[in-house]
Amino acid sequence: MEQTKPTVELTNATDCGGFLLGVVYGHPTLGKKADGRMIQTSGIVKRDGNTVETRNTIYKVTSWATEPTQETKIATKEPEAQP
């Protein structure tokens, strides 16, 4: 039996190479408490313009970030070399 993935709105999204960061609205698993909060998605499976399918969810991206957010900078930061 094939399960249908939920479709969720994501705004101010950034493609971090393998996953998205963005502000979520209407996520059935995370619930209303997550509305308006920054999330990191599961791994990207497929992307078609502003529709991004991850392992768990289909995201309708309504806007893309024009500048990196602090969360994006942290999520994509290369680990510093240890001496």
N, C-alpha and C. Protein backbone atom coordinates (compact mmCIF):
# COMPACT_ATOMS: atom_id res chain seq x y z
N MET A 1 0.84 -1.18 0.00
CA MET A 1 0.00 0.00 0.00
C MET A 1 0.89 1.25 0.00
N GLU A 2 0.69 2.11 -0.98
CA GLU A 2 1.50 3.32 -1.10
C GLU A 2 0.93 4.42 -0.22
N GLN A 3 1.80 5.04 0.58
CA GLN A 3 1.38 6.16 1.42
C GLN A 3 1.61 7.45 0.67
N THR A 4 0.69 8.40 0.85
CA THR A 4 0.83 9.70 0.25
C THR A 4 1.56 10.61 1.23
N LYS A 5 2.56 11.33 0.73
CA LYS A 5 3.29 12.26 1.57
C LYS A 5 2.47 13.53 1.74
N PRO A 6 2.52 14.13 2.94
CA PRO A 6 1.83 15.39 3.12
C PRO A 6 2.51 16.50 2.32
N THR A 7 1.73 17.50 1.91
CA THR A 7 2.26 18.67 1.23
C THR A 7 2.19 19.85 2.20
N VAL A 8 3.32 20.54 2.35
CA VAL A 8 3.48 21.56 3.37
C VAL A 8 4.08 22.81 2.74
N GLU A 9 3.71 23.99 3.27
CA GLU A 9 4.28 25.26 2.80
C GLU A 9 5.60 25.55 3.51
N LEU A 10 6.59 25.99 2.73
CA LEU A 10 7.88 26.39 3.28
C LEU A 10 8.24 27.75 2.70
N THR A 11 8.56 28.71 3.56
CA THR A 11 8.92 30.05 3.10
C THR A 11 10.36 30.36 3.50
N ASN A 12 10.92 31.38 2.86
CA ASN A 12 12.28 31.82 3.16
C ASN A 12 13.24 30.63 3.16
N ALA A 13 13.07 29.78 2.15
CA ALA A 13 13.81 28.51 2.10
C ALA A 13 15.20 28.68 1.50
N THR A 14 16.10 27.82 1.94
CA THR A 14 17.46 27.76 1.42
C THR A 14 17.78 26.31 1.12
N ASP A 15 18.32 26.06 -0.08
CA ASP A 15 18.78 24.72 -0.44
C ASP A 15 20.20 24.58 0.09
N CYS A 16 20.37 23.69 1.05
CA CYS A 16 21.66 23.50 1.70
C CYS A 16 22.41 22.30 1.15
N GLY A 17 22.08 21.90 -0.07
CA GLY A 17 22.78 20.78 -0.68
C GLY A 17 22.41 19.47 -0.03
N GLY A 18 21.23 18.98 -0.31
CA GLY A 18 20.79 17.71 0.26
C GLY A 18 19.59 17.84 1.18
N PHE A 19 19.36 19.03 1.68
CA PHE A 19 18.19 19.30 2.52
C PHE A 19 17.84 20.78 2.41
N LEU A 20 16.67 21.15 2.91
CA LEU A 20 16.25 22.55 2.92
C LEU A 20 16.18 23.06 4.35
N LEU A 21 16.41 24.36 4.50
CA LEU A 21 16.09 25.07 5.72
C LEU A 21 15.03 26.08 5.35
N GLY A 22 14.03 26.26 6.18
CA GLY A 22 13.01 27.24 5.88
C GLY A 22 11.98 27.32 6.98
N VAL A 23 11.08 28.27 6.83
CA VAL A 23 10.02 28.50 7.81
C VAL A 23 8.79 27.71 7.35
N VAL A 24 8.29 26.85 8.22
CA VAL A 24 7.24 25.90 7.87
C VAL A 24 5.87 26.37 8.35
N TYR A 25 4.86 26.00 7.56
CA TYR A 25 3.46 26.25 7.93
C TYR A 25 2.63 25.03 7.53
N GLY A 26 1.82 24.54 8.46
CA GLY A 26 0.88 23.47 8.16
C GLY A 26 1.48 22.08 8.10
N HIS A 27 2.53 21.82 8.87
CA HIS A 27 3.15 20.49 8.87
C HIS A 27 2.34 19.57 9.77
N PRO A 28 1.76 18.48 9.23
CA PRO A 28 0.88 17.63 10.04
C PRO A 28 1.59 16.88 11.16
N THR A 29 2.84 16.55 10.99
CA THR A 29 3.56 15.82 12.03
C THR A 29 4.07 16.76 13.12
N LEU A 30 4.58 17.92 12.72
CA LEU A 30 5.13 18.86 13.69
C LEU A 30 4.03 19.64 14.41
N GLY A 31 2.87 19.77 13.77
CA GLY A 31 1.73 20.43 14.39
C GLY A 31 1.80 21.95 14.33
N LYS A 32 0.77 22.57 14.86
CA LYS A 32 0.64 24.03 14.82
C LYS A 32 1.75 24.73 15.59
N LYS A 33 2.32 24.07 16.59
CA LYS A 33 3.39 24.71 17.38
C LYS A 33 4.60 25.02 16.51
N ALA A 34 4.73 24.34 15.37
CA ALA A 34 5.87 24.57 14.49
C ALA A 34 5.61 25.69 13.48
N ASP A 35 4.35 26.09 13.30
CA ASP A 35 4.04 27.14 12.33
C ASP A 35 4.88 28.39 12.59
N GLY A 36 5.56 28.86 11.55
CA GLY A 36 6.37 30.06 11.67
C GLY A 36 7.76 29.83 12.21
N ARG A 37 8.13 28.58 12.40
CA ARG A 37 9.47 28.26 12.92
C ARG A 37 10.37 27.72 11.81
N MET A 38 11.66 27.94 11.99
CA MET A 38 12.67 27.44 11.06
C MET A 38 12.85 25.94 11.30
N ILE A 39 12.84 25.17 10.20
CA ILE A 39 13.08 23.73 10.31
C ILE A 39 14.14 23.31 9.30
N GLN A 40 14.68 22.15 9.52
CA GLN A 40 15.55 21.49 8.54
C GLN A 40 14.78 20.27 8.07
N THR A 41 14.66 20.12 6.74
CA THR A 41 13.91 19.00 6.19
C THR A 41 14.74 17.73 6.22
N SER A 42 14.11 16.63 5.94
CA SER A 42 14.84 15.39 5.68
C SER A 42 15.48 15.51 4.29
N GLY A 43 16.20 14.51 3.88
CA GLY A 43 16.95 14.55 2.62
C GLY A 43 16.07 14.75 1.38
N ILE A 44 16.56 15.57 0.45
CA ILE A 44 15.84 15.83 -0.79
C ILE A 44 15.89 14.62 -1.69
N VAL A 45 14.72 14.23 -2.20
CA VAL A 45 14.59 13.11 -3.12
C VAL A 45 14.47 13.62 -4.55
N LYS A 46 13.69 14.72 -4.72
CA LYS A 46 13.40 15.25 -6.05
C LYS A 46 13.04 16.71 -5.93
N ARG A 47 13.46 17.47 -6.95
CA ARG A 47 13.10 18.90 -6.97
C ARG A 47 12.60 19.26 -8.35
N ASP A 48 11.45 19.96 -8.37
CA ASP A 48 10.85 20.43 -9.62
C ASP A 48 10.42 21.87 -9.40
N GLY A 49 11.33 22.80 -9.69
CA GLY A 49 11.04 24.22 -9.45
C GLY A 49 10.86 24.50 -7.98
N ASN A 50 9.68 24.98 -7.61
CA ASN A 50 9.39 25.31 -6.21
C ASN A 50 8.74 24.18 -5.44
N THR A 51 8.67 23.01 -6.05
CA THR A 51 8.16 21.82 -5.36
C THR A 51 9.35 20.92 -5.06
N VAL A 52 9.54 20.65 -3.77
CA VAL A 52 10.68 19.83 -3.34
C VAL A 52 10.16 18.65 -2.54
N GLU A 53 10.47 17.45 -3.01
CA GLU A 53 10.08 16.23 -2.31
C GLU A 53 11.26 15.76 -1.48
N THR A 54 10.99 15.50 -0.20
CA THR A 54 12.00 14.92 0.68
C THR A 54 11.58 13.50 1.01
N ARG A 55 12.34 12.82 1.85
CA ARG A 55 11.99 11.45 2.22
C ARG A 55 10.61 11.36 2.85
N ASN A 56 10.21 12.42 3.57
CA ASN A 56 8.97 12.34 4.34
C ASN A 56 7.84 13.24 3.87
N THR A 57 8.16 14.31 3.13
CA THR A 57 7.19 15.38 2.88
C THR A 57 7.42 15.99 1.51
N ILE A 58 6.36 16.60 0.95
CA ILE A 58 6.48 17.42 -0.25
C ILE A 58 6.31 18.86 0.19
N TYR A 59 7.29 19.69 -0.13
CA TYR A 59 7.27 21.10 0.26
C TYR A 59 6.96 21.97 -0.95
N LYS A 60 5.99 22.86 -0.79
CA LYS A 60 5.70 23.91 -1.77
C LYS A 60 6.43 25.14 -1.26
N VAL A 61 7.53 25.49 -1.91
CA VAL A 61 8.32 26.64 -1.48
C VAL A 61 7.67 27.90 -2.06
N THR A 62 7.21 28.78 -1.17
CA THR A 62 6.54 30.00 -1.61
C THR A 62 7.51 31.16 -1.73
N SER A 63 8.67 31.06 -1.10
CA SER A 63 9.72 32.07 -1.28
C SER A 63 11.07 31.47 -0.92
N TRP A 64 12.09 31.92 -1.63
CA TRP A 64 13.46 31.50 -1.38
C TRP A 64 14.20 32.63 -0.68
N ALA A 65 15.08 32.29 0.24
CA ALA A 65 15.88 33.29 0.95
C ALA A 65 16.80 34.00 -0.04
N THR A 66 16.89 35.31 0.09
CA THR A 66 17.78 36.07 -0.80
C THR A 66 19.16 36.22 -0.18
N GLU A 67 19.24 36.11 1.14
CA GLU A 67 20.51 36.16 1.85
C GLU A 67 20.52 35.04 2.87
N PRO A 68 21.70 34.50 3.16
CA PRO A 68 21.77 33.42 4.15
C PRO A 68 21.31 33.90 5.52
N THR A 69 20.50 33.08 6.18
CA THR A 69 20.09 33.37 7.56
C THR A 69 21.17 32.84 8.50
N GLN A 70 21.08 33.21 9.76
CA GLN A 70 22.02 32.70 10.76
C GLN A 70 21.94 31.18 10.83
N GLU A 71 20.72 30.63 10.74
CA GLU A 71 20.53 29.18 10.78
C GLU A 71 21.23 28.51 9.60
N THR A 72 21.12 29.13 8.41
CA THR A 72 21.77 28.58 7.22
C THR A 72 23.28 28.58 7.39
N LYS A 73 23.81 29.67 7.91
CA LYS A 73 25.26 29.76 8.11
C LYS A 73 25.74 28.67 9.06
N ILE A 74 24.97 28.42 10.11
CA ILE A 74 25.36 27.38 11.07
C ILE A 74 25.24 25.99 10.44
N ALA A 75 24.14 25.73 9.72
CA ALA A 75 23.89 24.41 9.15
C ALA A 75 24.89 24.04 8.06
N THR A 76 25.40 25.03 7.34
CA THR A 76 26.28 24.73 6.21
C THR A 76 27.75 25.01 6.52
N LYS A 77 28.06 25.37 7.76
CA LYS A 77 29.43 25.69 8.14
C LYS A 77 30.30 24.44 8.11
N GLU A 78 31.45 24.59 7.48
CA GLU A 78 32.42 23.49 7.45
C GLU A 78 33.00 23.32 8.85
N PRO A 79 33.18 22.09 9.30
CA PRO A 79 33.82 21.90 10.60
C PRO A 79 35.25 22.44 10.56
N GLU A 80 35.65 23.09 11.64
CA GLU A 80 37.00 23.63 11.69
C GLU A 80 37.99 22.50 11.91
N ALA A 81 39.14 22.63 11.26
CA ALA A 81 40.20 21.62 11.40
C ALA A 81 40.74 21.64 12.82
N GLN A 82 40.93 20.47 13.37
CA GLN A 82 41.49 20.36 14.71
C GLN A 82 43.01 20.31 14.61
N PRO A 83 43.70 21.04 15.47
CA PRO A 83 45.19 21.03 15.42
C PRO A 83 45.76 19.70 15.83
